[in-house]
Amino acid sequence: MNPILGLDFGRARIGVAISDELQLLAHPLETIQANQQPAARIAEIVRERKIDHVVAGIPKRMNGQIGPAATEVLEFVERLRAILLCRIVTWDERLTTVAAHRALRDAGKKTRHTRGYVDQVAAQMILQSYLDSRALRSATPDL
């Protein structure tokens, strides 16, 4: 199997994570600056790593509605769909950045030193949530 790519979109940075070839575990990959042609870099990663499909985190509001931030991400996803040959899946990513900050803080990392890395960890959490959901569905097909 080919790996799956996970994306955590932000106005300043996009965190990128990648699964293992068994599509079971997510790992941080890199942080792309949003002002440095992120769609082109994502397309390059997809080609180089032979990505099966991409999981894009959508920052829904706590009530599940789509707000301005989610709308921006959905517009970027449409731009990606125009240039990528693989499928793109959207995934609810509520509170993943908060959870990523907490995980890094719990690991003893200082906030100012994690600015570029927190986006990768958030992407890893988005992707891992997606992978876990797929594994659960395949283990319990009647759900």
Protein backbone atom coordinates (compact mmCIF):
# COMPACT_ATOMS: atom_id res chain seq x y z
CA MET A 1 0.00 0.00 0.00
CA ASN A 2 1.07 3.56 -0.57
CA PRO A 3 1.15 6.07 2.29
CA ILE A 4 -1.57 8.63 3.04
CA LEU A 5 -0.78 12.32 3.51
CA GLY A 6 -2.41 14.44 6.23
CA LEU A 7 -2.67 18.24 6.15
CA ASP A 8 -3.33 20.79 8.88
CA PHE A 9 -4.07 24.13 7.23
CA GLY A 10 -3.28 27.47 8.79
CA ARG A 11 -3.00 31.00 7.47
CA ALA A 12 0.74 31.09 8.19
CA ARG A 13 1.77 27.42 7.95
CA ILE A 14 0.52 24.05 6.73
CA GLY A 15 1.51 21.03 8.76
CA VAL A 16 2.11 17.83 6.83
CA ALA A 17 2.09 14.26 8.15
CA ILE A 18 2.47 10.93 6.40
CA SER A 19 1.35 7.42 7.22
CA ASP A 20 3.48 4.32 7.12
CA GLU A 21 3.03 2.00 4.15
CA LEU A 22 0.60 -0.17 6.13
CA GLN A 23 -1.57 2.94 6.61
CA LEU A 24 -1.68 2.35 10.37
CA LEU A 25 0.54 5.03 11.94
CA ALA A 26 0.91 8.74 11.20
CA HIS A 27 4.25 10.57 11.46
CA PRO A 28 5.08 14.29 11.25
CA LEU A 29 6.70 15.14 7.91
CA GLU A 30 7.22 18.87 7.40
CA THR A 31 5.82 22.38 7.74
CA ILE A 32 5.11 24.40 4.61
CA GLN A 33 4.97 28.19 4.82
CA ALA A 34 1.59 29.32 3.48
CA ASN A 35 3.19 32.14 1.50
CA GLN A 36 5.57 29.81 -0.40
CA GLN A 37 3.37 28.08 -3.00
CA PRO A 38 2.01 25.39 -0.69
CA ALA A 39 -0.11 23.69 -3.37
CA ALA A 40 2.97 23.11 -5.53
CA ARG A 41 4.92 21.68 -2.58
CA ILE A 42 2.04 19.36 -1.64
CA ALA A 43 1.83 18.17 -5.26
CA GLU A 44 5.58 17.51 -5.18
CA ILE A 45 5.28 15.45 -1.98
CA VAL A 46 2.37 13.47 -3.46
CA ARG A 47 4.47 12.62 -6.54
CA GLU A 48 7.72 11.88 -4.69
CA ARG A 49 6.13 9.74 -1.99
CA LYS A 50 3.57 8.06 -4.27
CA ILE A 51 0.74 9.09 -1.96
CA ASP A 52 -2.44 7.03 -2.12
CA HIS A 53 -4.70 9.91 -1.03
CA VAL A 54 -4.68 13.11 1.01
CA VAL A 55 -6.61 13.84 4.21
CA ALA A 56 -7.26 17.55 4.71
CA GLY A 57 -8.31 18.72 8.15
CA ILE A 58 -11.38 20.98 8.19
CA PRO A 59 -11.58 23.29 11.24
CA LYS A 60 -15.30 23.11 11.92
CA ARG A 61 -16.84 25.17 14.69
CA MET A 62 -17.62 23.40 17.95
CA ASN A 63 -21.29 23.13 16.88
CA GLY A 64 -20.20 21.36 13.67
CA GLN A 65 -20.89 24.29 11.35
CA ILE A 66 -18.54 25.54 8.66
CA GLY A 67 -17.05 28.93 9.54
CA PRO A 68 -14.71 31.29 7.67
CA ALA A 69 -11.57 29.25 8.49
CA ALA A 70 -13.16 26.03 7.21
CA THR A 71 -14.36 27.83 4.08
CA GLU A 72 -10.77 28.94 3.35
CA VAL A 73 -9.54 25.36 3.74
CA LEU A 74 -12.30 24.01 1.48
CA GLU A 75 -11.31 26.55 -1.19
CA PHE A 76 -7.67 25.43 -0.92
CA VAL A 77 -8.79 21.78 -1.15
CA GLU A 78 -10.57 22.61 -4.42
CA ARG A 79 -7.34 24.13 -5.77
CA LEU A 80 -5.51 20.94 -4.76
CA ARG A 81 -8.12 18.76 -6.46
CA ALA A 82 -7.39 20.62 -9.70
CA ILE A 83 -3.69 19.69 -9.61
CA LEU A 84 -3.50 16.34 -7.78
CA LEU A 85 -4.25 13.03 -9.41
CA CYS A 86 -5.09 11.34 -6.10
CA ARG A 87 -8.27 11.55 -4.04
CA ILE A 88 -8.61 14.18 -1.31
CA VAL A 89 -10.70 13.44 1.78
CA THR A 90 -11.79 16.12 4.25
CA TRP A 91 -11.73 15.29 7.96
CA ASP A 92 -13.06 17.09 11.03
CA GLU A 93 -10.09 18.51 12.89
CA ARG A 94 -11.69 20.37 15.79
CA LEU A 95 -9.20 21.11 18.57
CA THR A 96 -6.24 19.26 17.01
CA THR A 97 -3.96 22.31 17.24
CA VAL A 98 -4.89 22.73 20.91
CA ALA A 99 -4.17 19.02 21.48
CA ALA A 100 -0.86 19.32 19.60
CA HIS A 101 0.23 22.25 21.79
CA ARG A 102 -0.72 20.27 24.89
CA ALA A 103 1.16 17.15 23.73
CA LEU A 104 4.31 19.16 23.01
CA ARG A 105 4.05 21.00 26.33
CA ASP A 106 3.57 17.67 28.14
CA ALA A 107 6.70 16.42 26.37
CA GLY A 108 8.63 19.33 27.89
CA LYS A 109 8.87 21.44 24.74
CA LYS A 110 8.78 25.22 25.12
CA THR A 111 6.04 26.97 23.14
CA ARG A 112 8.39 29.34 21.32
CA HIS A 113 10.53 26.42 20.14
CA THR A 114 7.59 24.43 18.76
CA ARG A 115 6.01 27.02 16.44
CA GLY A 116 7.00 25.23 13.21
CA TYR A 117 6.59 21.76 14.63
CA VAL A 118 3.14 22.12 16.20
CA ASP A 119 1.53 22.21 12.75
CA GLN A 120 3.15 18.88 11.87
CA VAL A 121 1.92 17.36 15.13
CA ALA A 122 -1.60 18.66 14.45
CA ALA A 123 -1.43 17.10 10.94
CA GLN A 124 -0.24 13.87 12.54
CA MET A 125 -3.23 13.91 14.91
CA ILE A 126 -5.66 14.56 12.05
CA LEU A 127 -4.18 11.73 10.00
CA GLN A 128 -4.01 9.33 12.95
CA SER A 129 -7.67 10.01 13.76
CA TYR A 130 -8.57 9.23 10.15
CA LEU A 131 -6.45 6.04 10.12
CA ASP A 132 -7.95 4.87 13.43
CA SER A 133 -11.46 5.48 12.10
CA ARG A 134 -10.73 3.41 9.00
CA ALA A 135 -9.29 0.59 11.10
CA LEU A 136 -12.33 0.63 13.38
CA ARG A 137 -14.74 0.51 10.43
CA SER A 138 -12.90 -2.42 8.85
CA ALA A 139 -12.82 -4.28 12.17
CA THR A 140 -16.55 -3.70 12.78
CA PRO A 141 -18.20 -3.52 9.34
CA ASP A 142 -21.74 -3.55 10.74
CA LEU A 143 -21.29 -0.09 12.35
